[in-house]
Amino acid sequence: MAYFERWLDADASQRAQLLAELDATNPAARACLIELIEADRAAAALHFLDSGALSDVGAEADETTLRDLAGSQFGAWRLQRLIGVGGAGQVWLARRCDGQHDGSAAIKLLRATDLDAYAQRRFAREGRMLAGLEHPHIARLIDVGQSARGQRYIVLEYIDGERIDHWCDRHQTPIDAR
């Protein structure tokens, strides 16, 4: 699993170097790593984390959390209303509340029941990847942070509109085109 975590954190050249290193020193570990990479890609292609497969995990805790979080402050942002819930967390509409300027944002919160180190690393990695993306069709990263209780959050540009997965479903977009 350590090789797979290194793979997830690596850029393209580091990934090639890791595979070459394992090919020379530990071909069995390389074969296992390739299997994990393929399984991860297959799960991503099926939108496993967004499919509801994990939606019952911690459902009671999340139900309470969802009720309690409206009005909560995360950094300079106050949560207004829940926009969506996925396998890894919740997304909220928030308003800037520090008096610096008035604005809205979408705040993604890591599921309160997923505060283990692995989930935190994946969430942090998501923030780093978003920071490197700049495209007119991808919501812009505004900020990342961690609450006093240790709950990580990502602040994104709020785009009012239809969710992409709903649009794709409605238009029967094939998986490979999504």
N, C-alpha and C. Protein backbone atom coordinates (compact mmCIF):
# COMPACT_ATOMS: atom_id res chain seq x y z
N MET A 1 0.82 -1.19 0.00
CA MET A 1 0.00 0.00 0.00
C MET A 1 0.87 1.26 0.00
N ALA A 2 2.06 1.19 0.58
CA ALA A 2 2.95 2.36 0.61
C ALA A 2 3.35 2.77 -0.80
N TYR A 3 3.59 1.80 -1.69
CA TYR A 3 3.93 2.13 -3.07
C TYR A 3 2.76 2.82 -3.76
N PHE A 4 1.56 2.36 -3.49
CA PHE A 4 0.38 2.96 -4.11
C PHE A 4 0.20 4.39 -3.63
N GLU A 5 0.40 4.64 -2.35
CA GLU A 5 0.29 6.01 -1.83
C GLU A 5 1.36 6.91 -2.45
N ARG A 6 2.57 6.37 -2.62
CA ARG A 6 3.62 7.14 -3.29
C ARG A 6 3.19 7.46 -4.72
N TRP A 7 2.59 6.48 -5.39
CA TRP A 7 2.11 6.66 -6.76
C TRP A 7 1.08 7.79 -6.82
N LEU A 8 0.12 7.78 -5.90
CA LEU A 8 -0.94 8.79 -5.90
C LEU A 8 -0.38 10.19 -5.68
N ASP A 9 0.66 10.30 -4.87
CA ASP A 9 1.24 11.61 -4.56
C ASP A 9 2.24 12.09 -5.60
N ALA A 10 2.64 11.22 -6.53
CA ALA A 10 3.72 11.53 -7.47
C ALA A 10 3.22 12.21 -8.73
N ASP A 11 4.12 12.98 -9.36
CA ASP A 11 3.82 13.52 -10.68
C ASP A 11 4.22 12.47 -11.73
N ALA A 12 4.03 12.76 -13.00
CA ALA A 12 4.25 11.77 -14.06
C ALA A 12 5.68 11.23 -14.08
N SER A 13 6.67 12.10 -13.94
CA SER A 13 8.06 11.63 -13.99
C SER A 13 8.40 10.79 -12.76
N GLN A 14 7.87 11.17 -11.60
CA GLN A 14 8.11 10.39 -10.38
C GLN A 14 7.44 9.02 -10.48
N ARG A 15 6.28 8.98 -11.12
CA ARG A 15 5.59 7.70 -11.31
C ARG A 15 6.40 6.77 -12.19
N ALA A 16 6.94 7.30 -13.29
CA ALA A 16 7.77 6.48 -14.18
C ALA A 16 9.01 5.98 -13.45
N GLN A 17 9.60 6.85 -12.64
CA GLN A 17 10.79 6.47 -11.87
C GLN A 17 10.45 5.37 -10.87
N LEU A 18 9.31 5.47 -10.19
CA LEU A 18 8.90 4.46 -9.23
C LEU A 18 8.72 3.11 -9.92
N LEU A 19 8.05 3.09 -11.07
CA LEU A 19 7.84 1.84 -11.80
C LEU A 19 9.17 1.23 -12.26
N ALA A 20 10.09 2.07 -12.73
CA ALA A 20 11.40 1.57 -13.16
C ALA A 20 12.18 1.01 -11.98
N GLU A 21 12.12 1.70 -10.86
CA GLU A 21 12.80 1.24 -9.64
C GLU A 21 12.26 -0.12 -9.20
N LEU A 22 10.94 -0.25 -9.17
CA LEU A 22 10.34 -1.53 -8.76
C LEU A 22 10.61 -2.63 -9.78
N ASP A 23 10.64 -2.27 -11.05
CA ASP A 23 10.93 -3.26 -12.08
C ASP A 23 12.33 -3.87 -11.87
N ALA A 24 13.27 -3.02 -11.44
CA ALA A 24 14.64 -3.48 -11.23
C ALA A 24 14.84 -4.19 -9.89
N THR A 25 14.10 -3.77 -8.86
CA THR A 25 14.37 -4.29 -7.51
C THR A 25 13.31 -5.24 -6.97
N ASN A 26 12.06 -5.08 -7.41
CA ASN A 26 10.99 -5.88 -6.81
C ASN A 26 9.85 -6.05 -7.82
N PRO A 27 10.03 -6.91 -8.82
CA PRO A 27 9.00 -7.09 -9.86
C PRO A 27 7.64 -7.51 -9.31
N ALA A 28 7.63 -8.27 -8.22
CA ALA A 28 6.34 -8.69 -7.63
C ALA A 28 5.59 -7.48 -7.08
N ALA A 29 6.30 -6.59 -6.41
CA ALA A 29 5.67 -5.37 -5.89
C ALA A 29 5.18 -4.49 -7.04
N ARG A 30 5.95 -4.44 -8.14
CA ARG A 30 5.54 -3.67 -9.30
C ARG A 30 4.23 -4.23 -9.87
N ALA A 31 4.14 -5.54 -9.96
CA ALA A 31 2.92 -6.17 -10.48
C ALA A 31 1.72 -5.85 -9.59
N CYS A 32 1.92 -5.89 -8.27
CA CYS A 32 0.83 -5.54 -7.33
C CYS A 32 0.44 -4.07 -7.49
N LEU A 33 1.44 -3.20 -7.65
CA LEU A 33 1.16 -1.78 -7.83
C LEU A 33 0.34 -1.56 -9.10
N ILE A 34 0.70 -2.22 -10.18
CA ILE A 34 -0.04 -2.09 -11.44
C ILE A 34 -1.49 -2.52 -11.24
N GLU A 35 -1.71 -3.61 -10.51
CA GLU A 35 -3.09 -4.06 -10.23
C GLU A 35 -3.86 -3.01 -9.45
N LEU A 36 -3.23 -2.41 -8.44
CA LEU A 36 -3.90 -1.36 -7.65
C LEU A 36 -4.22 -0.15 -8.51
N ILE A 37 -3.29 0.25 -9.36
CA ILE A 37 -3.52 1.40 -10.24
C ILE A 37 -4.69 1.13 -11.17
N GLU A 38 -4.73 -0.06 -11.76
CA GLU A 38 -5.83 -0.42 -12.67
C GLU A 38 -7.16 -0.46 -11.93
N ALA A 39 -7.17 -1.01 -10.71
CA ALA A 39 -8.40 -1.06 -9.92
C ALA A 39 -8.87 0.35 -9.55
N ASP A 40 -7.92 1.22 -9.21
CA ASP A 40 -8.26 2.61 -8.88
C ASP A 40 -8.85 3.32 -10.09
N ARG A 41 -8.26 3.12 -11.25
CA ARG A 41 -8.78 3.74 -12.47
C ARG A 41 -10.17 3.20 -12.83
N ALA A 42 -10.36 1.90 -12.65
CA ALA A 42 -11.67 1.31 -12.94
C ALA A 42 -12.73 1.87 -12.00
N ALA A 43 -12.39 2.00 -10.72
CA ALA A 43 -13.34 2.56 -9.75
C ALA A 43 -13.65 4.01 -10.09
N ALA A 44 -12.65 4.77 -10.48
CA ALA A 44 -12.87 6.17 -10.85
C ALA A 44 -13.77 6.26 -12.08
N ALA A 45 -13.56 5.38 -13.04
CA ALA A 45 -14.37 5.40 -14.26
C ALA A 45 -15.83 5.08 -13.96
N LEU A 46 -16.05 4.29 -12.93
CA LEU A 46 -17.43 3.94 -12.55
C LEU A 46 -18.02 4.93 -11.57
N HIS A 47 -17.25 5.97 -11.21
CA HIS A 47 -17.69 6.97 -10.23
C HIS A 47 -18.09 6.30 -8.92
N PHE A 48 -17.27 5.35 -8.47
CA PHE A 48 -17.58 4.55 -7.29
C PHE A 48 -17.91 5.41 -6.07
N LEU A 49 -17.10 6.42 -5.80
CA LEU A 49 -17.33 7.21 -4.59
C LEU A 49 -18.58 8.07 -4.70
N ASP A 50 -19.02 8.38 -5.91
CA ASP A 50 -20.22 9.19 -6.07
C ASP A 50 -21.46 8.36 -6.32
N SER A 51 -21.31 7.04 -6.37
CA SER A 51 -22.42 6.19 -6.79
C SER A 51 -23.40 5.87 -5.67
N GLY A 52 -23.09 6.27 -4.45
CA GLY A 52 -23.94 5.92 -3.34
C GLY A 52 -23.52 4.64 -2.68
N ALA A 53 -22.48 3.99 -3.18
CA ALA A 53 -22.03 2.73 -2.60
C ALA A 53 -21.60 2.91 -1.15
N LEU A 54 -21.15 4.10 -0.82
CA LEU A 54 -20.72 4.36 0.55
C LEU A 54 -21.69 5.27 1.29
N SER A 55 -22.83 5.57 0.70
CA SER A 55 -23.70 6.58 1.28
C SER A 55 -24.29 6.18 2.62
N ASP A 56 -24.38 4.90 2.93
CA ASP A 56 -24.92 4.49 4.22
C ASP A 56 -23.88 4.49 5.32
N VAL A 57 -22.60 4.60 4.95
CA VAL A 57 -21.54 4.59 5.95
C VAL A 57 -21.65 5.87 6.77
N GLY A 58 -21.88 5.73 8.04
CA GLY A 58 -21.97 6.89 8.92
C GLY A 58 -23.18 7.76 8.66
N ALA A 59 -24.24 7.20 8.12
CA ALA A 59 -25.41 8.00 7.74
C ALA A 59 -26.02 8.72 8.93
N GLU A 60 -26.12 8.04 10.08
CA GLU A 60 -26.69 8.71 11.25
C GLU A 60 -25.83 9.87 11.69
N ALA A 61 -24.52 9.67 11.74
CA ALA A 61 -23.62 10.74 12.15
C ALA A 61 -23.71 11.90 11.17
N ASP A 62 -23.78 11.60 9.88
CA ASP A 62 -23.86 12.66 8.89
C ASP A 62 -25.18 13.41 8.97
N GLU A 63 -26.27 12.70 9.27
CA GLU A 63 -27.58 13.35 9.40
C GLU A 63 -27.51 14.43 10.47
N THR A 64 -26.92 14.09 11.62
CA THR A 64 -26.76 15.06 12.70
C THR A 64 -25.83 16.18 12.25
N THR A 65 -24.72 15.82 11.63
CA THR A 65 -23.75 16.80 11.18
C THR A 65 -24.40 17.79 10.22
N LEU A 66 -25.19 17.30 9.29
CA LEU A 66 -25.82 18.17 8.31
C LEU A 66 -26.74 19.18 8.97
N ARG A 67 -27.50 18.74 9.96
CA ARG A 67 -28.39 19.66 10.67
C ARG A 67 -27.59 20.70 11.44
N ASP A 68 -26.51 20.25 12.07
CA ASP A 68 -25.74 21.12 12.95
C ASP A 68 -24.85 22.11 12.21
N LEU A 69 -24.49 21.85 10.97
CA LEU A 69 -23.51 22.68 10.28
C LEU A 69 -24.07 23.95 9.68
N ALA A 70 -25.35 24.01 9.37
CA ALA A 70 -25.91 25.24 8.80
C ALA A 70 -25.62 26.40 9.75
N GLY A 71 -25.02 27.47 9.21
CA GLY A 71 -24.65 28.62 10.02
C GLY A 71 -23.24 28.55 10.59
N SER A 72 -22.59 27.40 10.48
CA SER A 72 -21.22 27.26 10.99
C SER A 72 -20.25 28.05 10.13
N GLN A 73 -19.16 28.47 10.75
CA GLN A 73 -18.14 29.22 10.04
C GLN A 73 -16.91 28.36 9.80
N PHE A 74 -16.41 28.40 8.58
CA PHE A 74 -15.17 27.72 8.19
C PHE A 74 -14.28 28.79 7.58
N GLY A 75 -13.26 29.20 8.32
CA GLY A 75 -12.41 30.29 7.87
C GLY A 75 -13.24 31.55 7.73
N ALA A 76 -13.17 32.18 6.57
CA ALA A 76 -13.90 33.43 6.32
C ALA A 76 -15.30 33.18 5.77
N TRP A 77 -15.77 31.94 5.83
CA TRP A 77 -17.02 31.56 5.17
C TRP A 77 -18.04 30.99 6.15
N ARG A 78 -19.31 31.36 5.97
CA ARG A 78 -20.40 30.82 6.79
C ARG A 78 -21.29 29.96 5.90
N LEU A 79 -21.52 28.72 6.35
CA LEU A 79 -22.34 27.78 5.58
C LEU A 79 -23.79 28.22 5.58
N GLN A 80 -24.41 28.23 4.40
CA GLN A 80 -25.80 28.62 4.27
C GLN A 80 -26.73 27.43 4.06
N ARG A 81 -26.47 26.68 2.99
CA ARG A 81 -27.35 25.54 2.72
C ARG A 81 -26.56 24.44 2.04
N LEU A 82 -27.03 23.23 2.25
CA LEU A 82 -26.40 22.07 1.65
C LEU A 82 -26.72 22.03 0.16
N ILE A 83 -25.68 21.82 -0.65
CA ILE A 83 -25.86 21.71 -2.10
C ILE A 83 -25.90 20.25 -2.52
N GLY A 84 -25.02 19.43 -1.93
CA GLY A 84 -24.97 18.03 -2.32
C GLY A 84 -24.17 17.20 -1.34
N VAL A 85 -24.41 15.89 -1.40
CA VAL A 85 -23.70 14.93 -0.55
C VAL A 85 -23.19 13.82 -1.46
N GLY A 86 -21.92 13.47 -1.31
CA GLY A 86 -21.32 12.39 -2.08
C GLY A 86 -20.69 11.38 -1.15
N GLY A 87 -19.99 10.44 -1.73
CA GLY A 87 -19.36 9.39 -0.94
C GLY A 87 -18.30 9.90 0.00
N ALA A 88 -17.63 10.99 -0.35
CA ALA A 88 -16.51 11.47 0.46
C ALA A 88 -16.85 12.69 1.31
N GLY A 89 -17.98 13.30 1.09
CA GLY A 89 -18.27 14.49 1.88
C GLY A 89 -19.51 15.22 1.45
N GLN A 90 -19.58 16.47 1.89
CA GLN A 90 -20.73 17.33 1.62
C GLN A 90 -20.24 18.60 0.95
N VAL A 91 -21.11 19.20 0.13
CA VAL A 91 -20.80 20.49 -0.49
C VAL A 91 -21.88 21.47 -0.06
N TRP A 92 -21.44 22.63 0.42
CA TRP A 92 -22.32 23.66 0.94
C TRP A 92 -22.18 24.96 0.16
N LEU A 93 -23.27 25.69 0.03
CA LEU A 93 -23.20 27.07 -0.43
C LEU A 93 -22.82 27.89 0.79
N ALA A 94 -21.87 28.79 0.62
CA ALA A 94 -21.41 29.61 1.75
C ALA A 94 -21.29 31.07 1.31
N ARG A 95 -21.33 31.98 2.30
CA ARG A 95 -21.15 33.42 2.05
C ARG A 95 -19.93 33.87 2.83
N ARG A 96 -19.22 34.79 2.24
CA ARG A 96 -18.07 35.38 2.91
C ARG A 96 -18.59 36.17 4.11
N CYS A 97 -17.95 36.02 5.27
CA CYS A 97 -18.49 36.66 6.48
C CYS A 97 -17.43 37.43 7.27
N ASP A 98 -16.27 37.67 6.69
CA ASP A 98 -15.23 38.37 7.44
C ASP A 98 -15.19 39.87 7.16
N GLY A 99 -16.13 40.37 6.35
CA GLY A 99 -16.19 41.79 6.06
C GLY A 99 -15.21 42.27 5.00
N GLN A 100 -14.34 41.41 4.51
CA GLN A 100 -13.37 41.80 3.48
C GLN A 100 -14.07 42.10 2.15
N HIS A 101 -15.00 41.25 1.78
CA HIS A 101 -15.82 41.47 0.59
C HIS A 101 -17.01 40.53 0.68
N ASP A 102 -18.00 40.79 -0.16
CA ASP A 102 -19.20 39.97 -0.16
C ASP A 102 -19.10 38.99 -1.32
N GLY A 103 -19.34 37.74 -1.06
CA GLY A 103 -19.28 36.76 -2.14
C GLY A 103 -19.79 35.41 -1.71
N SER A 104 -20.05 34.59 -2.69
CA SER A 104 -20.50 33.22 -2.44
C SER A 104 -19.43 32.25 -2.89
N ALA A 105 -19.45 31.07 -2.30
CA ALA A 105 -18.52 30.01 -2.69
C ALA A 105 -19.17 28.67 -2.37
N ALA A 106 -18.63 27.63 -2.96
CA ALA A 106 -19.01 26.27 -2.61
C ALA A 106 -17.92 25.73 -1.70
N ILE A 107 -18.31 25.15 -0.58
CA ILE A 107 -17.34 24.59 0.35
C ILE A 107 -17.57 23.09 0.44
N LYS A 108 -16.51 22.35 0.12
CA LYS A 108 -16.56 20.89 0.22
C LYS A 108 -15.94 20.50 1.55
N LEU A 109 -16.70 19.76 2.34
CA LEU A 109 -16.25 19.28 3.65
C LEU A 109 -16.02 17.79 3.58
N LEU A 110 -14.89 17.35 4.09
CA LEU A 110 -14.64 15.92 4.21
C LEU A 110 -15.66 15.34 5.17
N ARG A 111 -16.23 14.21 4.82
CA ARG A 111 -17.22 13.54 5.66
C ARG A 111 -16.68 13.42 7.09
N ALA A 112 -17.45 13.82 8.07
CA ALA A 112 -17.01 13.82 9.47
C ALA A 112 -16.59 12.44 9.95
N THR A 113 -17.16 11.40 9.35
CA THR A 113 -16.79 10.04 9.76
C THR A 113 -15.51 9.56 9.09
N ASP A 114 -14.93 10.37 8.19
CA ASP A 114 -13.72 9.99 7.45
C ASP A 114 -12.53 10.84 7.85
N LEU A 115 -12.30 10.98 9.14
CA LEU A 115 -11.19 11.80 9.59
C LEU A 115 -9.91 11.01 9.78
N ASP A 116 -9.86 9.75 9.28
CA ASP A 116 -8.63 8.96 9.41
C ASP A 116 -7.56 9.54 8.48
N ALA A 117 -6.32 9.15 8.71
CA ALA A 117 -5.18 9.73 8.00
C ALA A 117 -5.28 9.52 6.49
N TYR A 118 -5.72 8.35 6.05
CA TYR A 118 -5.79 8.07 4.62
C TYR A 118 -6.80 9.00 3.94
N ALA A 119 -7.99 9.15 4.52
CA ALA A 119 -9.01 10.02 3.95
C ALA A 119 -8.52 11.46 3.93
N GLN A 120 -7.83 11.87 4.98
CA GLN A 120 -7.31 13.24 5.04
C GLN A 120 -6.27 13.47 3.94
N ARG A 121 -5.40 12.48 3.70
CA ARG A 121 -4.38 12.62 2.65
C ARG A 121 -5.03 12.72 1.27
N ARG A 122 -6.05 11.89 1.03
CA ARG A 122 -6.74 11.94 -0.28
C ARG A 122 -7.42 13.30 -0.47
N PHE A 123 -8.01 13.82 0.59
CA PHE A 123 -8.70 15.11 0.51
C PHE A 123 -7.68 16.23 0.26
N ALA A 124 -6.55 16.17 0.96
CA ALA A 124 -5.49 17.16 0.76
C ALA A 124 -4.96 17.09 -0.67
N ARG A 125 -4.82 15.87 -1.19
CA ARG A 125 -4.35 15.68 -2.56
C ARG A 125 -5.34 16.30 -3.55
N GLU A 126 -6.64 16.15 -3.27
CA GLU A 126 -7.65 16.75 -4.13
C GLU A 126 -7.47 18.26 -4.17
N GLY A 127 -7.23 18.87 -3.02
CA GLY A 127 -6.99 20.32 -2.96
C GLY A 127 -5.77 20.72 -3.77
N ARG A 128 -4.69 19.94 -3.67
CA ARG A 128 -3.47 20.25 -4.43
C ARG A 128 -3.72 20.13 -5.93
N MET A 129 -4.47 19.11 -6.33
CA MET A 129 -4.77 18.94 -7.76
C MET A 129 -5.62 20.10 -8.28
N LEU A 130 -6.62 20.49 -7.49
CA LEU A 130 -7.47 21.60 -7.91
C LEU A 130 -6.68 22.90 -8.03
N ALA A 131 -5.70 23.08 -7.15
CA ALA A 131 -4.87 24.29 -7.19
C ALA A 131 -4.11 24.39 -8.50
N GLY A 132 -3.80 23.26 -9.11
CA GLY A 132 -3.05 23.25 -10.36
C GLY A 132 -3.91 23.34 -11.60
N LEU A 133 -5.22 23.36 -11.44
CA LEU A 133 -6.12 23.39 -12.60
C LEU A 133 -6.61 24.81 -12.87
N GLU A 134 -6.57 25.19 -14.12
CA GLU A 134 -7.15 26.47 -14.51
C GLU A 134 -7.80 26.27 -15.87
N HIS A 135 -9.13 26.25 -15.86
CA HIS A 135 -9.88 26.01 -17.08
C HIS A 135 -11.24 26.68 -16.92
N PRO A 136 -11.78 27.26 -17.97
CA PRO A 136 -13.07 27.95 -17.83
C PRO A 136 -14.23 27.05 -17.45
N HIS A 137 -14.08 25.72 -17.61
CA HIS A 137 -15.16 24.80 -17.29
C HIS A 137 -14.92 24.04 -15.99
N ILE A 138 -13.95 24.47 -15.20
CA ILE A 138 -13.66 23.85 -13.90
C ILE A 138 -13.73 24.94 -12.84
N ALA A 139 -14.47 24.68 -11.77
CA ALA A 139 -14.59 25.65 -10.69
C ALA A 139 -13.20 25.96 -10.12
N ARG A 140 -12.93 27.25 -9.93
CA ARG A 140 -11.63 27.73 -9.45
C ARG A 140 -11.50 27.50 -7.95
N LEU A 141 -10.32 27.04 -7.54
CA LEU A 141 -10.02 26.87 -6.13
C LEU A 141 -9.79 28.25 -5.51
N ILE A 142 -10.45 28.51 -4.38
CA ILE A 142 -10.29 29.78 -3.68
C ILE A 142 -9.40 29.61 -2.45
N ASP A 143 -9.63 28.53 -1.70
CA ASP A 143 -8.90 28.36 -0.44
C ASP A 143 -9.04 26.92 0.02
N VAL A 144 -8.18 26.51 0.93
CA VAL A 144 -8.29 25.24 1.64
C VAL A 144 -8.04 25.54 3.10
N GLY A 145 -8.55 24.69 3.97
CA GLY A 145 -8.33 24.91 5.39
C GLY A 145 -8.74 23.72 6.22
N GLN A 146 -8.62 23.92 7.52
CA GLN A 146 -8.99 22.88 8.48
C GLN A 146 -9.62 23.58 9.68
N SER A 147 -10.78 23.07 10.09
CA SER A 147 -11.48 23.67 11.22
C SER A 147 -10.76 23.35 12.53
N ALA A 148 -11.18 24.00 13.60
CA ALA A 148 -10.59 23.75 14.92
C ALA A 148 -10.80 22.30 15.34
N ARG A 149 -11.87 21.66 14.84
CA ARG A 149 -12.15 20.25 15.16
C ARG A 149 -11.39 19.29 14.25
N GLY A 150 -10.60 19.83 13.33
CA GLY A 150 -9.81 18.98 12.45
C GLY A 150 -10.50 18.61 11.15
N GLN A 151 -11.66 19.18 10.87
CA GLN A 151 -12.37 18.86 9.64
C GLN A 151 -11.82 19.70 8.49
N ARG A 152 -11.32 19.02 7.47
CA ARG A 152 -10.75 19.72 6.31
C ARG A 152 -11.86 20.24 5.40
N TYR A 153 -11.54 21.35 4.72
CA TYR A 153 -12.49 21.89 3.76
C TYR A 153 -11.75 22.51 2.58
N ILE A 154 -12.45 22.53 1.46
CA ILE A 154 -11.95 23.15 0.23
C ILE A 154 -12.99 24.18 -0.20
N VAL A 155 -12.55 25.41 -0.45
CA VAL A 155 -13.44 26.48 -0.90
C VAL A 155 -13.25 26.65 -2.40
N LEU A 156 -14.35 26.52 -3.13
CA LEU A 156 -14.33 26.59 -4.59
C LEU A 156 -15.26 27.69 -5.09
N GLU A 157 -14.98 28.17 -6.27
CA GLU A 157 -15.88 29.08 -6.95
C GLU A 157 -17.26 28.41 -7.02
N TYR A 158 -18.31 29.16 -6.68
CA TYR A 158 -19.67 28.62 -6.77
C TYR A 158 -20.22 28.90 -8.16
N ILE A 159 -20.65 27.86 -8.83
CA ILE A 159 -21.24 27.98 -10.15
C ILE A 159 -22.67 27.46 -10.05
N ASP A 160 -23.62 28.35 -10.23
CA ASP A 160 -25.02 27.97 -10.15
C ASP A 160 -25.42 27.29 -11.45
N GLY A 161 -25.83 26.05 -11.35
CA GLY A 161 -26.22 25.34 -12.56
C GLY A 161 -26.45 23.88 -12.28
N GLU A 162 -26.67 23.14 -13.33
CA GLU A 162 -26.94 21.72 -13.22
C GLU A 162 -25.65 20.95 -12.94
N ARG A 163 -25.74 19.96 -12.06
CA ARG A 163 -24.58 19.11 -11.79
C ARG A 163 -24.19 18.38 -13.07
N ILE A 164 -22.89 18.24 -13.28
CA ILE A 164 -22.40 17.61 -14.52
C ILE A 164 -22.86 16.16 -14.65
N ASP A 165 -22.90 15.42 -13.54
CA ASP A 165 -23.33 14.02 -13.63
C ASP A 165 -24.81 13.94 -14.01
N HIS A 166 -25.62 14.87 -13.52
CA HIS A 166 -27.03 14.89 -13.89
C HIS A 166 -27.19 15.23 -15.38
N TRP A 167 -26.41 16.21 -15.86
CA TRP A 167 -26.46 16.57 -17.27
C TRP A 167 -26.07 15.38 -18.13
N CYS A 168 -24.99 14.71 -17.76
CA CYS A 168 -24.52 13.54 -18.53
C CYS A 168 -25.57 12.43 -18.53
N ASP A 169 -26.19 12.19 -17.38
CA ASP A 169 -27.23 11.17 -17.31
C ASP A 169 -28.41 11.54 -18.20
N ARG A 170 -28.82 12.80 -18.13
CA ARG A 170 -29.96 13.26 -18.91
C ARG A 170 -29.69 13.15 -20.41
N HIS A 171 -28.45 13.39 -20.81
CA HIS A 171 -28.08 13.33 -22.23
C HIS A 171 -27.51 11.96 -22.62
N GLN A 172 -27.57 11.02 -21.68
CA GLN A 172 -27.08 9.65 -21.91
C GLN A 172 -25.66 9.65 -22.47
N THR A 173 -24.81 10.47 -21.86
CA THR A 173 -23.41 10.56 -22.28
C THR A 173 -22.69 9.29 -21.89
N PRO A 174 -21.99 8.65 -22.85
CA PRO A 174 -21.27 7.41 -22.52
C PRO A 174 -20.15 7.67 -21.51
N ILE A 175 -19.80 6.66 -20.74
CA ILE A 175 -18.79 6.77 -19.68
C ILE A 175 -17.48 7.32 -20.23
N ASP A 176 -17.02 6.83 -21.38
CA ASP A 176 -15.72 7.27 -21.90
C ASP A 176 -15.72 8.72 -22.36
N ALA A 177 -16.89 9.33 -22.54
CA ALA A 177 -16.97 10.73 -22.94
C ALA A 177 -17.14 11.67 -21.75
N ARG A 178 -17.33 11.11 -20.57
CA ARG A 178 -17.51 11.94 -19.39
C ARG A 178 -16.19 12.41 -18.93
